[in-house]
Protein backbone atom coordinates (compact mmCIF):
# COMPACT_ATOMS: atom_id res chain seq x y z
CA UNK A 1 0.86 21.52 6.11
CA UNK A 2 1.94 24.93 7.36
CA UNK A 3 4.47 26.81 5.20
CA UNK A 4 8.03 26.14 6.25
CA UNK A 5 10.99 28.23 5.19
CA UNK A 6 13.14 25.11 5.04
CA UNK A 7 11.16 23.77 2.10
CA UNK A 8 12.64 24.08 -1.36
CA UNK A 9 10.71 26.57 -3.46
CA UNK A 10 10.46 26.23 -7.23
CA UNK A 11 10.18 29.53 -9.11
CA UNK A 12 9.06 27.95 -12.38
CA UNK A 13 7.60 24.53 -13.07
CA UNK A 14 5.40 23.31 -15.91
CA UNK A 15 3.76 20.72 -13.63
CA UNK A 16 0.89 21.19 -11.22
CA UNK A 17 1.81 20.57 -7.54
CA UNK A 18 0.35 17.05 -7.46
CA UNK A 19 2.10 16.02 -10.65
CA UNK A 20 5.29 17.26 -9.03
CA UNK A 21 4.49 15.10 -5.99
CA UNK A 22 4.04 12.09 -8.27
CA UNK A 23 7.38 12.67 -9.98
CA UNK A 24 9.22 13.05 -6.68
CA UNK A 25 7.80 9.75 -5.48
CA UNK A 26 8.70 7.93 -8.70
CA UNK A 27 12.30 9.13 -8.46
CA UNK A 28 12.67 8.13 -4.80
CA UNK A 29 14.74 5.16 -3.66
CA UNK A 30 11.83 3.79 -1.65
CA UNK A 31 9.66 3.56 -4.76
CA UNK A 32 12.30 1.58 -6.66
CA UNK A 33 12.64 -0.88 -3.78
CA UNK A 34 8.98 -1.83 -4.15
CA UNK A 35 10.02 -3.96 -7.13
CA UNK A 36 11.54 -6.45 -4.70
CA UNK A 37 8.94 -6.33 -1.94
CA UNK A 38 6.29 -9.02 -1.56
CA UNK A 39 2.68 -8.52 -2.54
CA UNK A 40 1.63 -12.12 -1.92
CA UNK A 41 4.44 -14.11 -3.54
CA UNK A 42 8.09 -13.56 -2.73
CA UNK A 43 9.98 -11.83 -5.51
CA UNK A 44 12.10 -14.86 -6.34
CA UNK A 45 9.01 -17.06 -6.83
CA UNK A 46 8.89 -15.92 -10.45
CA UNK A 47 8.90 -12.96 -12.81
CA UNK A 48 5.16 -13.13 -13.47
CA UNK A 49 3.85 -12.45 -9.97
CA UNK A 50 2.94 -8.98 -8.75
CA UNK A 51 5.21 -7.09 -6.42
CA UNK A 52 4.49 -3.96 -4.38
CA UNK A 53 5.72 -1.95 -7.36
CA UNK A 54 3.44 -3.45 -9.99
CA UNK A 55 0.58 -3.37 -7.48
CA UNK A 56 1.13 0.36 -6.89
CA UNK A 57 1.14 1.01 -10.65
CA UNK A 58 -2.11 -0.94 -11.08
CA UNK A 59 -3.73 0.99 -8.21
CA UNK A 60 -2.60 4.23 -9.83
CA UNK A 61 -4.10 3.28 -13.19
CA UNK A 62 -7.46 2.37 -11.68
CA UNK A 63 -7.53 5.47 -9.47
CA UNK A 64 -6.72 7.75 -12.41
CA UNK A 65 -9.53 6.23 -14.48
CA UNK A 66 -12.05 6.73 -11.67
CA UNK A 67 -11.00 10.28 -10.79
CA UNK A 68 -10.99 11.29 -14.45
CA UNK A 69 -14.57 10.11 -14.88
CA UNK A 70 -15.70 11.83 -11.67
CA UNK A 71 -14.03 15.13 -12.54
CA UNK A 72 -11.53 14.91 -9.69
CA UNK A 73 -7.80 15.59 -9.67
CA UNK A 74 -6.02 12.71 -11.43
CA UNK A 75 -2.52 13.81 -10.45
CA UNK A 76 -3.41 13.91 -6.76
CA UNK A 77 -4.89 10.41 -6.92
CA UNK A 78 -1.85 9.18 -8.83
CA UNK A 79 0.59 10.65 -6.30
CA UNK A 80 -1.27 9.04 -3.37
CA UNK A 81 -1.58 5.70 -5.17
CA UNK A 82 2.10 5.46 -6.04
CA UNK A 83 3.02 6.37 -2.44
CA UNK A 84 0.52 4.36 -0.46
CA UNK A 85 2.71 1.25 0.05
CA UNK A 86 6.11 2.88 0.48
CA UNK A 87 6.10 2.02 4.18
CA UNK A 88 5.56 -1.71 3.71
CA UNK A 89 8.26 -3.97 5.09
CA UNK A 90 9.72 -6.96 3.26
CA UNK A 91 7.54 -10.10 3.28
CA UNK A 92 4.24 -8.24 3.03
CA UNK A 93 1.94 -7.74 6.00
CA UNK A 94 3.63 -10.46 8.01
CA UNK A 95 6.86 -8.42 8.02
CA UNK A 96 5.08 -5.36 9.38
CA UNK A 97 3.17 -7.38 11.96
CA UNK A 98 6.40 -8.99 13.13
CA UNK A 99 8.20 -5.66 13.40
CA UNK A 100 5.22 -4.31 15.35
CA UNK A 101 5.53 -7.18 17.86
CA UNK A 102 9.30 -6.66 18.18
CA UNK A 103 8.84 -2.99 19.01
CA UNK A 104 5.96 -3.53 21.41
CA UNK A 105 7.88 -6.26 23.23
CA UNK A 106 10.62 -3.68 23.78
CA UNK A 107 8.18 -1.21 25.31
CA UNK A 108 7.21 0.85 22.26
CA UNK A 109 3.42 0.79 22.55
CA UNK A 110 2.97 2.61 19.23
CA UNK A 111 4.78 -0.25 17.47
CA UNK A 112 4.85 -0.31 13.67
CA UNK A 113 2.03 0.60 11.27
CA UNK A 114 2.60 0.71 7.52
CA UNK A 115 0.36 3.70 6.73
CA UNK A 116 2.25 5.87 9.17
CA UNK A 117 5.52 4.41 7.91
CA UNK A 118 4.61 5.40 4.34
CA UNK A 119 3.94 8.90 5.64
CA UNK A 120 7.29 8.93 7.44
CA UNK A 121 9.12 7.73 4.32
CA UNK A 122 7.97 10.71 2.24
CA UNK A 123 8.03 13.28 5.04
CA UNK A 124 11.29 12.45 6.80
CA UNK A 125 13.16 9.25 5.88
CA UNK A 126 13.85 10.04 2.22
CA UNK A 127 16.61 12.62 1.83
CA UNK A 128 16.45 14.65 -1.39
CA UNK A 129 17.25 18.17 -0.19
CA UNK A 130 20.23 19.63 1.59
CA UNK A 131 18.45 21.52 4.35
CA UNK A 132 15.60 19.20 5.34
CA UNK A 133 14.36 15.62 5.10
CA UNK A 134 11.51 14.26 3.04
CA UNK A 135 10.24 14.74 -0.51
CA UNK A 136 8.54 18.11 0.11
CA UNK A 137 5.09 16.87 -0.90
CA UNK A 138 1.81 18.78 -0.70
CA UNK A 139 -0.56 18.58 2.24
CA UNK A 140 -3.23 16.68 0.28
CA UNK A 141 -0.81 13.97 -0.84
CA UNK A 142 0.63 13.52 2.65
CA UNK A 143 -2.81 13.38 4.20
CA UNK A 144 -4.03 10.85 1.64
CA UNK A 145 -1.06 8.59 2.35
CA UNK A 146 -1.70 8.78 6.09
CA UNK A 147 -5.48 8.43 6.24
CA UNK A 148 -6.60 6.53 3.10
CA UNK A 149 -10.38 6.96 3.63
CA UNK A 150 -10.95 7.45 7.33
CA UNK A 151 -9.78 9.64 10.21
CA UNK A 152 -6.49 8.24 11.51
CA UNK A 153 -7.11 6.34 14.74
CA UNK A 154 -3.61 5.93 16.11
CA UNK A 155 -3.78 8.02 19.28
CA UNK A 156 0.00 8.20 19.65
CA UNK A 157 0.11 10.53 16.63
CA UNK A 158 -1.98 13.19 18.30
CA UNK A 159 0.98 15.11 19.68
CA UNK A 160 3.06 14.60 16.54
CA UNK A 161 0.93 15.63 13.57
CA UNK A 162 -2.61 16.38 14.76
CA UNK A 163 -2.06 20.12 14.53
CA UNK A 164 -1.27 19.94 10.82
CA UNK A 165 -3.53 17.12 9.70
CA UNK A 166 -6.53 17.09 12.04
CA UNK A 167 -6.79 13.36 12.57
CA UNK A 168 -10.54 13.59 13.21
CA UNK A 169 -11.41 14.30 9.55
CA UNK A 170 -11.55 12.23 6.39
CA UNK A 171 -8.97 12.94 3.67
CA UNK A 172 -9.73 14.17 0.15
CA UNK A 173 -12.15 12.38 -2.14
CA UNK A 174 -9.16 11.44 -4.29
CA UNK A 175 -7.66 9.58 -1.32
CA UNK A 176 -10.94 7.71 -0.89
CA UNK A 177 -10.82 6.74 -4.56
CA UNK A 178 -7.29 5.40 -4.12
CA UNK A 179 -8.42 3.34 -1.13
CA UNK A 180 -11.09 1.58 -3.20
CA UNK A 181 -8.78 1.32 -6.24
CA UNK A 182 -6.34 -0.51 -3.96
CA UNK A 183 -9.06 -2.98 -3.04
CA UNK A 184 -10.07 -3.53 -6.67
CA UNK A 185 -6.46 -4.02 -7.77
CA UNK A 186 -5.39 -6.51 -5.14
CA UNK A 187 -8.52 -8.65 -5.44
CA UNK A 188 -8.16 -8.96 -9.20
CA UNK A 189 -4.42 -9.53 -9.38
CA UNK A 190 -4.28 -11.83 -6.34
CA UNK A 191 -6.82 -14.08 -8.08
CA UNK A 192 -4.77 -13.91 -11.28
CA UNK A 193 -1.54 -14.77 -9.48
CA UNK A 194 -3.21 -17.37 -7.28
CA UNK A 195 -4.78 -19.26 -10.17
CA UNK A 196 -1.57 -19.03 -12.21
CA UNK A 197 0.43 -20.46 -9.29
CA UNK A 198 -2.03 -23.29 -8.69
CA UNK A 199 -2.81 -22.21 -5.13
CA UNK A 200 -6.47 -21.66 -5.94
CA UNK A 201 -8.77 -22.49 -8.83
CA UNK A 202 -11.86 -20.91 -10.30
CA UNK A 203 -13.82 -23.78 -8.75
CA UNK A 204 -12.68 -22.51 -5.34
CA UNK A 205 -14.15 -19.11 -6.17
CA UNK A 206 -17.57 -20.38 -7.21
CA UNK A 207 -18.84 -20.12 -3.64
CA UNK A 208 -18.73 -16.37 -4.26
CA UNK A 209 -21.74 -14.86 -6.03
CA UNK A 210 -19.55 -12.05 -7.36
CA UNK A 211 -17.05 -14.53 -8.83
CA UNK A 212 -19.87 -16.50 -10.46
CA UNK A 213 -21.17 -13.32 -12.10
CA UNK A 214 -17.71 -12.56 -13.51
CA UNK A 215 -17.18 -16.15 -14.66
CA UNK A 216 -20.44 -15.88 -16.59
CA UNK A 217 -19.18 -12.75 -18.36
CA UNK A 218 -16.08 -14.67 -19.48
CA UNK A 219 -18.13 -17.58 -20.76
CA UNK A 220 -20.41 -15.16 -22.61
CA UNK A 221 -17.34 -14.28 -24.69
CA UNK A 222 -17.10 -17.91 -25.77
CA UNK A 223 -14.17 -18.75 -23.48
CA UNK A 224 -14.83 -21.91 -21.47
CA UNK A 225 -11.50 -23.54 -20.58
CA UNK A 226 -10.58 -22.29 -17.12
CA UNK A 227 -7.03 -23.61 -17.47
CA UNK A 228 -6.24 -21.29 -20.39
CA UNK A 229 -4.35 -18.04 -19.85
CA UNK A 230 -6.99 -16.15 -21.81
CA UNK A 231 -9.70 -17.24 -19.36
CA UNK A 232 -7.65 -15.87 -16.46
CA UNK A 233 -6.90 -12.61 -18.26
CA UNK A 234 -10.54 -12.02 -19.19
CA UNK A 235 -11.68 -12.80 -15.65
CA UNK A 236 -9.36 -10.14 -14.23
CA UNK A 237 -10.44 -7.61 -16.83
CA UNK A 238 -14.15 -8.22 -16.24
CA UNK A 239 -13.73 -8.11 -12.46
CA UNK A 240 -11.95 -4.75 -12.59
CA UNK A 241 -14.46 -3.30 -15.05
CA UNK A 242 -17.42 -4.55 -13.05
CA UNK A 243 -16.13 -3.05 -9.81
CA UNK A 244 -15.04 0.24 -11.36
CA UNK A 245 -18.34 0.82 -13.15
CA UNK A 246 -20.28 -0.22 -10.04
CA UNK A 247 -18.28 2.26 -7.95
CA UNK A 248 -18.84 5.05 -10.47
CA UNK A 249 -22.56 4.36 -10.65
CA UNK A 250 -22.96 4.34 -6.87
CA UNK A 251 -20.68 7.31 -6.14
CA UNK A 252 -21.28 9.81 -8.95
CA UNK A 253 -24.32 11.47 -7.39
CA UNK A 254 -22.77 11.59 -3.92
CA UNK A 255 -19.68 13.59 -4.87
CA UNK A 256 -19.57 17.37 -4.84
CA UNK A 257 -16.53 18.42 -6.86
CA UNK A 258 -16.34 21.70 -4.98
CA UNK A 259 -15.49 19.76 -1.82
CA UNK A 260 -12.00 18.48 -2.42
CA UNK A 261 -10.12 18.68 0.86
CA UNK A 262 -10.54 17.03 4.20
CA UNK A 263 -11.76 20.05 6.14
CA UNK A 264 -15.11 19.39 4.47
CA UNK A 265 -15.43 15.86 5.79
CA UNK A 266 -15.62 15.36 9.53
CA UNK A 267 -15.68 11.89 11.04
CA UNK A 268 -19.49 11.71 10.96
CA UNK A 269 -19.74 12.44 7.23
CA UNK A 270 -20.63 9.45 5.07
CA UNK A 271 -17.86 8.51 2.66
CA UNK A 272 -19.12 9.34 -0.84
CA UNK A 273 -16.96 6.78 -2.66
CA UNK A 274 -17.87 3.11 -2.53
CA UNK A 275 -20.17 0.33 -3.61
CA UNK A 276 -23.84 -0.43 -3.09
CA UNK A 277 -24.46 -2.38 0.14
CA UNK A 278 -25.35 -5.57 -1.75
CA UNK A 279 -22.06 -5.48 -3.67
CA UNK A 280 -20.10 -4.69 -0.50
CA UNK A 281 -21.47 -7.94 0.96
CA UNK A 282 -20.44 -9.89 -2.14
CA UNK A 283 -16.94 -8.40 -1.99
CA UNK A 284 -16.54 -9.41 1.66
CA UNK A 285 -17.52 -12.99 0.76
CA UNK A 286 -14.97 -13.12 -2.05
CA UNK A 287 -12.26 -11.72 0.24
CA UNK A 288 -13.03 -14.38 2.83
CA UNK A 289 -12.61 -17.12 0.24
CA UNK A 290 -9.28 -15.64 -0.85
CA UNK A 291 -8.12 -15.47 2.76
CA UNK A 292 -8.97 -19.08 3.54
CA UNK A 293 -8.03 -20.68 0.21
CA UNK A 294 -5.04 -18.59 -0.80
CA UNK A 295 -3.53 -16.32 1.85
CA UNK A 296 -3.62 -19.19 4.36
CA UNK A 297 -2.37 -21.78 1.87
CA UNK A 298 0.45 -23.86 3.32
CA UNK A 299 2.91 -22.71 0.63
CA UNK A 300 2.27 -19.05 1.43
CA UNK A 301 2.29 -19.62 5.20
CA UNK A 302 5.60 -21.50 4.95
CA UNK A 303 7.31 -18.68 3.09
CA UNK A 304 5.82 -16.01 5.32
CA UNK A 305 7.09 -17.95 8.32
CA UNK A 306 10.62 -17.77 6.94
CA UNK A 307 10.12 -14.04 6.41
CA UNK A 308 8.99 -13.63 10.01
CA UNK A 309 12.09 -15.41 11.27
CA UNK A 310 14.28 -13.17 9.13
CA UNK A 311 12.71 -9.98 10.53
CA UNK A 312 13.01 -11.21 14.13
CA UNK A 313 16.59 -12.32 13.56
CA UNK A 314 17.68 -9.07 11.92
CA UNK A 315 16.02 -6.97 14.61
CA UNK A 316 17.63 -9.00 17.40
CA UNK A 317 21.05 -8.96 15.76
CA UNK A 318 21.04 -5.20 15.14
CA UNK A 319 19.89 -4.52 18.69
CA UNK A 320 22.89 -6.49 19.94
CA UNK A 321 25.37 -4.99 17.45
CA UNK A 322 24.28 -1.66 15.99
CA UNK A 323 27.58 -1.22 14.15
CA UNK A 324 26.14 -3.47 11.43
CA UNK A 325 23.83 -0.58 10.48
CA UNK A 326 24.69 1.37 7.30
CA UNK A 327 26.25 4.80 7.78
CA UNK A 328 22.98 6.67 7.10
CA UNK A 329 21.13 4.83 9.88
CA UNK A 330 24.08 4.48 12.25
CA UNK A 331 24.47 8.26 12.28
CA UNK A 332 20.87 8.65 13.45
CA UNK A 333 21.57 6.79 16.69
CA UNK A 334 22.95 10.03 18.14
CA UNK A 335 19.55 11.73 17.99
CA UNK A 336 16.93 8.96 17.72
CA UNK A 337 16.02 5.85 19.70
CA UNK A 338 17.85 2.76 18.52
CA UNK A 339 14.71 0.61 18.28
CA UNK A 340 13.05 3.02 15.87
CA UNK A 341 16.17 3.47 13.75
CA UNK A 342 16.52 -0.30 13.40
CA UNK A 343 12.84 -0.66 12.56
CA UNK A 344 13.17 1.98 9.83
CA UNK A 345 16.16 0.16 8.38
CA UNK A 346 14.40 -3.21 8.34
CA UNK A 347 11.26 -1.66 6.82
CA UNK A 348 13.35 -0.22 4.01
CA UNK A 349 14.74 -3.62 3.00
CA UNK A 350 13.59 -5.60 -0.02
CA UNK A 351 12.71 -9.26 0.45
CA UNK A 352 15.87 -10.56 -1.16
CA UNK A 353 18.13 -8.11 0.68
CA UNK A 354 16.54 -9.02 4.03
CA UNK A 355 17.07 -12.73 3.39
CA UNK A 356 20.66 -12.11 2.29
CA UNK A 357 21.35 -9.93 5.34
CA UNK A 358 19.81 -12.50 7.67
CA UNK A 359 21.77 -15.40 6.17
CA UNK A 360 25.05 -13.49 6.34
CA UNK A 361 24.36 -12.37 9.91
CA UNK A 362 23.82 -15.93 11.11
CA UNK A 363 26.35 -17.67 8.89
CA UNK A 364 23.82 -19.35 6.58
CA UNK A 365 25.46 -18.37 3.28
């Protein structure tokens, strides 16, 4: 991003710029709220299940391990990983999809998109400095949050940020690592949580060749009872290790460590971080099984439906009576469109706060 005199300048700091980015994210209010935002299970379903916060930490750990082995910048990967879900609404993807529909129905064709919302959280919605908004993060971290692995396709952004970020290019290699670390993390922990909750079983996964390979690794350790916690733990560990080592093996010869930033990678450049084609196919099969057997399970669909109703109800209520907005958001109505201010407020809510707000709004205490 171009230098801006508004930005706070630090004369002396023992941290590198990306480590400073990481610390600013960790100390932000939006990061703390991730503890009470849905990954798959609602927060009040139990203390064991992953939330957006624990997911972000797991993604960070995997990304740091990969970047360290590849000789990339660990702190940059960590900063992107810890930031990548800051824009998620309550109730997981269904909350964002619902908010997108609400906005589009009111004539906002750009709607809601969580990658861009994460970017907006760290670049404008968080307030940590007196003279400007945002967390004052580096270009590489901001770009990694926005793009993940690919050029950003949302055309409505062209007039807003194209000049600074060149939406036609890939982001840094570290951002690509985070994108795949995200995939590795959610597959492994969604299986762990799903089996623990009883929504799926290891028998359900045996239609996947990849799952069968990992199950064999567990049994090779002499662990055979699929109902035991240890079986589940070892499955997750072997799945993560298998995918990380496979990614390293496939990617190590494709990465040039002298090419760190996105200007090097135009849209036609092959992404150097990934899996062999055969493994990519196996991963897609496993994801399909998870989608059908777990993400579409009646118990999950029922709870996501209640989340959808809460988002719609809150949006409708605030559009009718904006004085219910907190002072910080209410003050923005003087300079910003009401729909977008309300969407930002709803996106910032945790699951439990959104449900509480909805119940109070409609007298369902």
